[in-house]
Amino acid sequence: MTAAPSGAFHTLHARHNLCPRDARNLDNPLVYSELCALAKEGSAETKDRSASALWSLSTDHQGNKDTIAKLGGIDPLVGLLV
């Protein structure tokens, strides 16, 4: 998988016409699924941007935290820390 240089948001928009910054898409599990995949398999910049987006989406929102965990998003995030 090759991500565009502009990172995770561009990839989501290009593949699925979704933007996590658009509140209408925040209930779409595809946003979280793609961000989790990009945090694991994208370029270094895409991993960083995906992790940042996942952090923002999960801050103070237990439901989003649960969704990210169920989609396997924790391991890639921890991997970026070490």
N, C-alpha and C. Protein backbone atom coordinates (compact mmCIF):
# COMPACT_ATOMS: atom_id res chain seq x y z
N MET A 1 0.85 -1.17 0.00
CA MET A 1 0.00 0.00 0.00
C MET A 1 0.89 1.23 0.00
N THR A 2 0.61 2.15 -0.89
CA THR A 2 1.37 3.38 -0.96
C THR A 2 0.46 4.54 -0.64
N ALA A 3 0.86 5.31 0.33
CA ALA A 3 0.05 6.46 0.74
C ALA A 3 0.57 7.71 0.05
N ALA A 4 -0.32 8.62 -0.21
CA ALA A 4 0.06 9.89 -0.82
C ALA A 4 0.93 10.68 0.14
N PRO A 5 1.80 11.52 -0.38
CA PRO A 5 2.68 12.30 0.48
C PRO A 5 1.96 13.16 1.50
N SER A 6 0.75 13.57 1.18
CA SER A 6 0.05 14.44 2.12
C SER A 6 -0.55 13.69 3.29
N GLY A 7 -0.42 12.38 3.33
CA GLY A 7 -0.75 11.63 4.52
C GLY A 7 -2.11 10.98 4.55
N ALA A 8 -2.51 10.65 5.77
CA ALA A 8 -3.68 9.82 6.03
C ALA A 8 -4.97 10.45 5.54
N PHE A 9 -5.15 11.72 5.77
CA PHE A 9 -6.41 12.35 5.37
C PHE A 9 -6.59 12.31 3.86
N HIS A 10 -5.51 12.57 3.13
CA HIS A 10 -5.58 12.53 1.68
C HIS A 10 -5.92 11.11 1.21
N THR A 11 -5.31 10.11 1.83
CA THR A 11 -5.55 8.72 1.46
C THR A 11 -7.01 8.35 1.69
N LEU A 12 -7.55 8.72 2.83
CA LEU A 12 -8.96 8.44 3.11
C LEU A 12 -9.87 9.12 2.08
N HIS A 13 -9.55 10.34 1.76
CA HIS A 13 -10.38 11.06 0.81
C HIS A 13 -10.25 10.44 -0.59
N ALA A 14 -9.04 10.12 -0.99
CA ALA A 14 -8.83 9.58 -2.32
C ALA A 14 -9.47 8.20 -2.50
N ARG A 15 -9.40 7.37 -1.49
CA ARG A 15 -9.94 6.00 -1.59
C ARG A 15 -11.44 5.94 -1.40
N HIS A 16 -11.96 6.73 -0.48
CA HIS A 16 -13.35 6.54 -0.06
C HIS A 16 -14.16 7.83 -0.01
N ASN A 17 -13.55 8.93 -0.44
CA ASN A 17 -14.22 10.23 -0.36
C ASN A 17 -14.67 10.52 1.07
N LEU A 18 -13.82 10.14 2.03
CA LEU A 18 -14.10 10.36 3.45
C LEU A 18 -13.04 11.28 4.03
N CYS A 19 -13.45 12.13 4.91
CA CYS A 19 -12.51 12.98 5.63
C CYS A 19 -12.85 12.92 7.11
N PRO A 20 -11.92 12.43 7.96
CA PRO A 20 -12.20 12.36 9.39
C PRO A 20 -12.49 13.71 10.01
N ARG A 21 -12.08 14.78 9.35
CA ARG A 21 -12.34 16.12 9.88
C ARG A 21 -13.80 16.53 9.68
N ASP A 22 -14.51 15.80 8.83
CA ASP A 22 -15.92 16.08 8.58
C ASP A 22 -16.76 15.28 9.57
N ALA A 23 -17.46 15.96 10.45
CA ALA A 23 -18.21 15.31 11.52
C ALA A 23 -19.20 14.28 11.01
N ARG A 24 -19.67 14.43 9.78
CA ARG A 24 -20.62 13.46 9.22
C ARG A 24 -19.99 12.09 9.05
N ASN A 25 -18.67 12.01 8.96
CA ASN A 25 -17.98 10.74 8.73
C ASN A 25 -17.51 10.06 10.01
N LEU A 26 -17.64 10.73 11.14
CA LEU A 26 -17.09 10.19 12.37
C LEU A 26 -17.80 8.93 12.86
N ASP A 27 -19.00 8.69 12.39
CA ASP A 27 -19.71 7.47 12.76
C ASP A 27 -19.44 6.33 11.78
N ASN A 28 -18.66 6.58 10.76
CA ASN A 28 -18.36 5.57 9.76
C ASN A 28 -17.15 4.75 10.22
N PRO A 29 -17.34 3.45 10.49
CA PRO A 29 -16.22 2.63 10.96
C PRO A 29 -15.09 2.52 9.94
N LEU A 30 -15.38 2.81 8.68
CA LEU A 30 -14.34 2.76 7.66
C LEU A 30 -13.24 3.78 7.95
N VAL A 31 -13.60 4.93 8.51
CA VAL A 31 -12.60 5.95 8.86
C VAL A 31 -11.60 5.36 9.85
N TYR A 32 -12.10 4.71 10.87
CA TYR A 32 -11.23 4.15 11.91
C TYR A 32 -10.43 2.97 11.36
N SER A 33 -11.07 2.15 10.56
CA SER A 33 -10.40 0.99 9.98
C SER A 33 -9.23 1.43 9.10
N GLU A 34 -9.46 2.40 8.24
CA GLU A 34 -8.41 2.90 7.36
C GLU A 34 -7.28 3.56 8.15
N LEU A 35 -7.63 4.37 9.14
CA LEU A 35 -6.59 5.03 9.94
C LEU A 35 -5.74 4.00 10.68
N CYS A 36 -6.36 2.95 11.20
CA CYS A 36 -5.61 1.89 11.88
C CYS A 36 -4.67 1.19 10.90
N ALA A 37 -5.17 0.90 9.70
CA ALA A 37 -4.32 0.25 8.69
C ALA A 37 -3.17 1.16 8.27
N LEU A 38 -3.46 2.44 8.08
CA LEU A 38 -2.41 3.37 7.67
C LEU A 38 -1.37 3.57 8.77
N ALA A 39 -1.79 3.50 10.03
CA ALA A 39 -0.84 3.62 11.14
C ALA A 39 0.11 2.44 11.17
N LYS A 40 -0.31 1.33 10.59
CA LYS A 40 0.52 0.13 10.57
C LYS A 40 1.34 0.02 9.29
N GLU A 41 0.77 0.38 8.16
CA GLU A 41 1.38 0.05 6.88
C GLU A 41 1.78 1.24 6.02
N GLY A 42 1.51 2.43 6.44
CA GLY A 42 1.81 3.59 5.60
C GLY A 42 3.26 4.01 5.68
N SER A 43 3.57 5.09 4.95
CA SER A 43 4.91 5.67 5.04
C SER A 43 5.09 6.24 6.44
N ALA A 44 6.30 6.66 6.76
CA ALA A 44 6.55 7.22 8.09
C ALA A 44 5.66 8.43 8.35
N GLU A 45 5.52 9.30 7.36
CA GLU A 45 4.67 10.48 7.52
C GLU A 45 3.21 10.08 7.70
N THR A 46 2.76 9.11 6.91
CA THR A 46 1.38 8.66 7.00
C THR A 46 1.11 8.00 8.34
N LYS A 47 2.06 7.22 8.84
CA LYS A 47 1.90 6.61 10.17
C LYS A 47 1.74 7.68 11.23
N ASP A 48 2.59 8.70 11.17
CA ASP A 48 2.50 9.79 12.15
C ASP A 48 1.17 10.52 12.07
N ARG A 49 0.73 10.82 10.87
CA ARG A 49 -0.52 11.55 10.71
C ARG A 49 -1.72 10.69 11.11
N SER A 50 -1.65 9.40 10.79
CA SER A 50 -2.73 8.49 11.19
C SER A 50 -2.80 8.39 12.70
N ALA A 51 -1.65 8.26 13.33
CA ALA A 51 -1.61 8.18 14.79
C ALA A 51 -2.18 9.46 15.40
N SER A 52 -1.84 10.60 14.83
CA SER A 52 -2.36 11.87 15.32
C SER A 52 -3.88 11.93 15.17
N ALA A 53 -4.38 11.47 14.04
CA ALA A 53 -5.83 11.47 13.82
C ALA A 53 -6.52 10.53 14.80
N LEU A 54 -5.95 9.34 15.00
CA LEU A 54 -6.54 8.39 15.96
C LEU A 54 -6.53 8.96 17.37
N TRP A 55 -5.45 9.63 17.73
CA TRP A 55 -5.36 10.26 19.05
C TRP A 55 -6.49 11.29 19.20
N SER A 56 -6.63 12.14 18.19
CA SER A 56 -7.67 13.18 18.25
C SER A 56 -9.07 12.59 18.34
N LEU A 57 -9.31 11.53 17.57
CA LEU A 57 -10.63 10.91 17.57
C LEU A 57 -10.94 10.17 18.86
N SER A 58 -9.90 9.73 19.56
CA SER A 58 -10.13 8.94 20.77
C SER A 58 -10.10 9.76 22.05
N THR A 59 -9.56 10.96 21.99
CA THR A 59 -9.47 11.79 23.19
C THR A 59 -10.87 12.10 23.72
N ASP A 60 -11.08 11.74 24.97
CA ASP A 60 -12.35 12.00 25.65
C ASP A 60 -13.56 11.36 24.96
N HIS A 61 -13.34 10.22 24.28
CA HIS A 61 -14.46 9.54 23.62
C HIS A 61 -14.26 8.03 23.74
N GLN A 62 -14.85 7.45 24.77
CA GLN A 62 -14.67 6.02 25.05
C GLN A 62 -15.14 5.14 23.89
N GLY A 63 -16.22 5.51 23.23
CA GLY A 63 -16.72 4.71 22.11
C GLY A 63 -15.71 4.62 20.99
N ASN A 64 -15.05 5.74 20.67
CA ASN A 64 -14.02 5.72 19.63
C ASN A 64 -12.81 4.90 20.08
N LYS A 65 -12.45 5.00 21.37
CA LYS A 65 -11.35 4.20 21.89
C LYS A 65 -11.64 2.72 21.72
N ASP A 66 -12.86 2.32 22.04
CA ASP A 66 -13.25 0.91 21.90
C ASP A 66 -13.19 0.46 20.45
N THR A 67 -13.67 1.30 19.55
CA THR A 67 -13.66 0.97 18.12
C THR A 67 -12.23 0.81 17.63
N ILE A 68 -11.36 1.73 17.98
CA ILE A 68 -9.96 1.67 17.56
C ILE A 68 -9.29 0.42 18.11
N ALA A 69 -9.57 0.08 19.35
CA ALA A 69 -9.00 -1.13 19.95
C ALA A 69 -9.51 -2.38 19.23
N LYS A 70 -10.80 -2.44 18.94
CA LYS A 70 -11.38 -3.61 18.25
C LYS A 70 -10.81 -3.78 16.85
N LEU A 71 -10.43 -2.68 16.22
CA LEU A 71 -9.88 -2.74 14.87
C LEU A 71 -8.37 -2.99 14.85
N GLY A 72 -7.79 -3.21 16.01
CA GLY A 72 -6.36 -3.50 16.08
C GLY A 72 -5.48 -2.28 16.00
N GLY A 73 -6.00 -1.13 16.38
CA GLY A 73 -5.24 0.10 16.27
C GLY A 73 -4.27 0.37 17.39
N ILE A 74 -4.33 -0.40 18.46
CA ILE A 74 -3.44 -0.13 19.60
C ILE A 74 -2.00 -0.53 19.30
N ASP A 75 -1.78 -1.72 18.76
CA ASP A 75 -0.42 -2.19 18.49
C ASP A 75 0.36 -1.25 17.57
N PRO A 76 -0.23 -0.79 16.45
CA PRO A 76 0.53 0.14 15.62
C PRO A 76 0.87 1.44 16.34
N LEU A 77 -0.04 1.91 17.19
CA LEU A 77 0.23 3.14 17.91
C LEU A 77 1.36 2.96 18.90
N VAL A 78 1.34 1.84 19.61
CA VAL A 78 2.42 1.55 20.57
C VAL A 78 3.74 1.37 19.81
N GLY A 79 3.67 0.74 18.65
CA GLY A 79 4.87 0.54 17.83
C GLY A 79 5.51 1.85 17.41
N LEU A 80 4.72 2.89 17.24
CA LEU A 80 5.28 4.18 16.87
C LEU A 80 5.99 4.86 18.04
N LEU A 81 5.69 4.43 19.25
CA LEU A 81 6.31 5.02 20.43
C LEU A 81 7.68 4.42 20.72
N VAL A 82 7.90 3.20 20.29
CA VAL A 82 9.18 2.53 20.60
C VAL A 82 10.14 2.54 19.44
